[in-house]
Amino acid sequence: MKKLIFLALLSMSIMHAQDSKKLDSNSIAVGDMITIGSPSGKSYQHILFPKTNFIIKKGGTTNFKKLKGLQAVITEREEKKSKTIVTIKRKDGKKFLNSLNSIKVDLKKAIEAKEIL
């Protein structure tokens, strides 16, 4: 019986720890680190990449699977009417998709869609 109670308390504390780790768009500032998650569809909906033909013309690739798990740094933050748009760059200094130095993200929607972790 003691083991059962211990396991129940342990699992509840682990679930509570995971809930407290969620991102809040108001708490994110310039210089914070974020992780790019998986796309909500075939491609990212709220991470604002240019059209694929522009990426290919610059010599890049359109393999969005490679972006999952990348660390990025927020370099700029701007508030628009009902949106928070942030500009991010890769932590390691390389280019996104081998052609883009920085990209813009609709922060609130990307967090809700778990495109940003």
Protein backbone atom coordinates (compact mmCIF):
# COMPACT_ATOMS: atom_id res chain seq x y z
CA MET A 1 0.00 0.00 0.00
CA LYS A 2 2.86 2.38 0.80
CA LYS A 3 4.44 1.71 -2.58
CA LEU A 4 1.19 2.52 -4.34
CA ILE A 5 0.82 5.84 -2.53
CA PHE A 6 4.48 6.67 -3.21
CA LEU A 7 4.08 5.97 -6.94
CA ALA A 8 0.91 8.06 -7.11
CA LEU A 9 2.62 11.04 -5.45
CA LEU A 10 5.68 10.65 -7.64
CA SER A 11 3.64 10.61 -10.84
CA MET A 12 1.62 13.64 -9.73
CA SER A 13 4.78 15.61 -8.99
CA ILE A 14 6.26 14.72 -12.39
CA MET A 15 3.09 15.85 -14.18
CA HIS A 16 3.09 19.10 -12.20
CA ALA A 17 6.73 19.75 -13.11
CA GLN A 18 5.95 19.31 -16.81
CA ASP A 19 3.01 21.71 -16.62
CA SER A 20 5.12 24.47 -15.12
CA LYS A 21 7.57 24.31 -18.05
CA LYS A 22 5.12 25.74 -20.61
CA LEU A 23 6.15 28.86 -22.49
CA ASP A 24 4.30 32.11 -22.08
CA SER A 25 4.50 34.63 -24.91
CA ASN A 26 4.63 37.55 -22.47
CA SER A 27 7.64 36.17 -20.58
CA ILE A 28 9.84 35.74 -23.68
CA ALA A 29 12.31 38.58 -24.28
CA VAL A 30 15.20 39.37 -26.61
CA GLY A 31 18.14 37.04 -25.97
CA ASP A 32 16.04 34.09 -24.76
CA MET A 33 16.65 30.61 -26.15
CA ILE A 34 13.83 28.63 -27.80
CA THR A 35 13.64 25.22 -29.45
CA ILE A 36 11.93 24.65 -32.77
CA GLY A 37 9.37 21.86 -32.55
CA SER A 38 7.65 19.81 -35.22
CA PRO A 39 5.43 21.48 -37.83
CA SER A 40 1.69 21.54 -37.26
CA GLY A 41 1.09 20.37 -40.83
CA LYS A 42 3.20 19.60 -43.88
CA SER A 43 5.21 22.75 -43.20
CA TYR A 44 5.36 25.32 -40.42
CA GLN A 45 2.28 27.52 -40.31
CA HIS A 46 3.35 30.14 -37.75
CA ILE A 47 7.08 30.24 -38.40
CA LEU A 48 7.06 32.61 -41.33
CA PHE A 49 9.33 31.13 -44.00
CA PRO A 50 9.33 32.61 -47.52
CA LYS A 51 7.84 30.58 -50.35
CA THR A 52 9.80 27.48 -51.27
CA ASN A 53 10.82 28.78 -54.70
CA PHE A 54 12.65 31.73 -53.06
CA ILE A 55 14.48 29.37 -50.71
CA ILE A 56 15.54 27.14 -53.62
CA LYS A 57 16.68 30.15 -55.71
CA LYS A 58 19.01 31.16 -52.88
CA GLY A 59 20.54 27.68 -52.91
CA GLY A 60 18.71 26.35 -49.89
CA THR A 61 16.80 23.18 -49.17
CA THR A 62 13.18 22.76 -48.16
CA ASN A 63 13.69 19.86 -45.77
CA PHE A 64 11.72 21.09 -42.75
CA LYS A 65 12.39 17.86 -40.85
CA LYS A 66 15.95 19.00 -40.13
CA LEU A 67 14.67 22.03 -38.22
CA LYS A 68 13.03 20.01 -35.45
CA GLY A 69 14.98 20.38 -32.22
CA LEU A 70 17.17 23.29 -33.34
CA GLN A 71 18.10 25.87 -30.73
CA ALA A 72 17.44 29.49 -31.68
CA VAL A 73 17.98 32.90 -30.07
CA ILE A 74 15.42 35.69 -30.16
CA THR A 75 17.09 38.76 -31.66
CA GLU A 76 14.14 41.11 -32.06
CA ARG A 77 10.62 41.44 -30.67
CA GLU A 78 7.84 43.64 -32.02
CA GLU A 79 4.27 44.03 -30.86
CA LYS A 80 1.62 44.55 -33.50
CA LYS A 81 -2.13 44.94 -32.98
CA SER A 82 -2.95 41.45 -31.80
CA LYS A 83 0.32 39.69 -32.67
CA THR A 84 3.75 39.35 -31.20
CA ILE A 85 6.30 38.85 -33.97
CA VAL A 86 9.83 37.79 -33.01
CA THR A 87 12.90 37.39 -35.19
CA ILE A 88 15.09 34.39 -34.42
CA LYS A 89 18.57 33.26 -35.46
CA ARG A 90 20.19 29.87 -34.99
CA LYS A 91 22.31 29.48 -31.88
CA ASP A 92 25.21 27.91 -33.79
CA GLY A 93 25.35 30.77 -36.31
CA LYS A 94 24.43 28.70 -39.36
CA LYS A 95 21.60 29.54 -41.73
CA PHE A 96 18.09 28.11 -41.61
CA LEU A 97 17.53 25.76 -44.58
CA ASN A 98 21.03 26.78 -45.83
CA SER A 99 19.72 30.13 -47.10
CA LEU A 100 18.08 32.23 -44.36
CA ASN A 101 20.02 34.11 -41.68
CA SER A 102 16.94 34.87 -39.62
CA ILE A 103 13.24 34.11 -39.69
CA LYS A 104 10.15 35.67 -38.16
CA VAL A 105 7.71 33.85 -35.91
CA ASP A 106 4.15 34.64 -34.81
CA LEU A 107 4.94 33.85 -31.20
CA LYS A 108 1.52 33.26 -29.62
CA LYS A 109 0.22 31.02 -32.39
CA ALA A 110 3.49 29.09 -32.70
CA ILE A 111 3.45 28.30 -28.98
CA GLU A 112 -0.17 27.13 -29.16
CA ALA A 113 0.60 24.91 -32.17
CA LYS A 114 3.78 23.63 -30.42
CA GLU A 115 5.97 24.73 -33.30
CA ILE A 116 8.10 26.41 -30.64
CA LEU A 117 8.94 24.69 -27.39
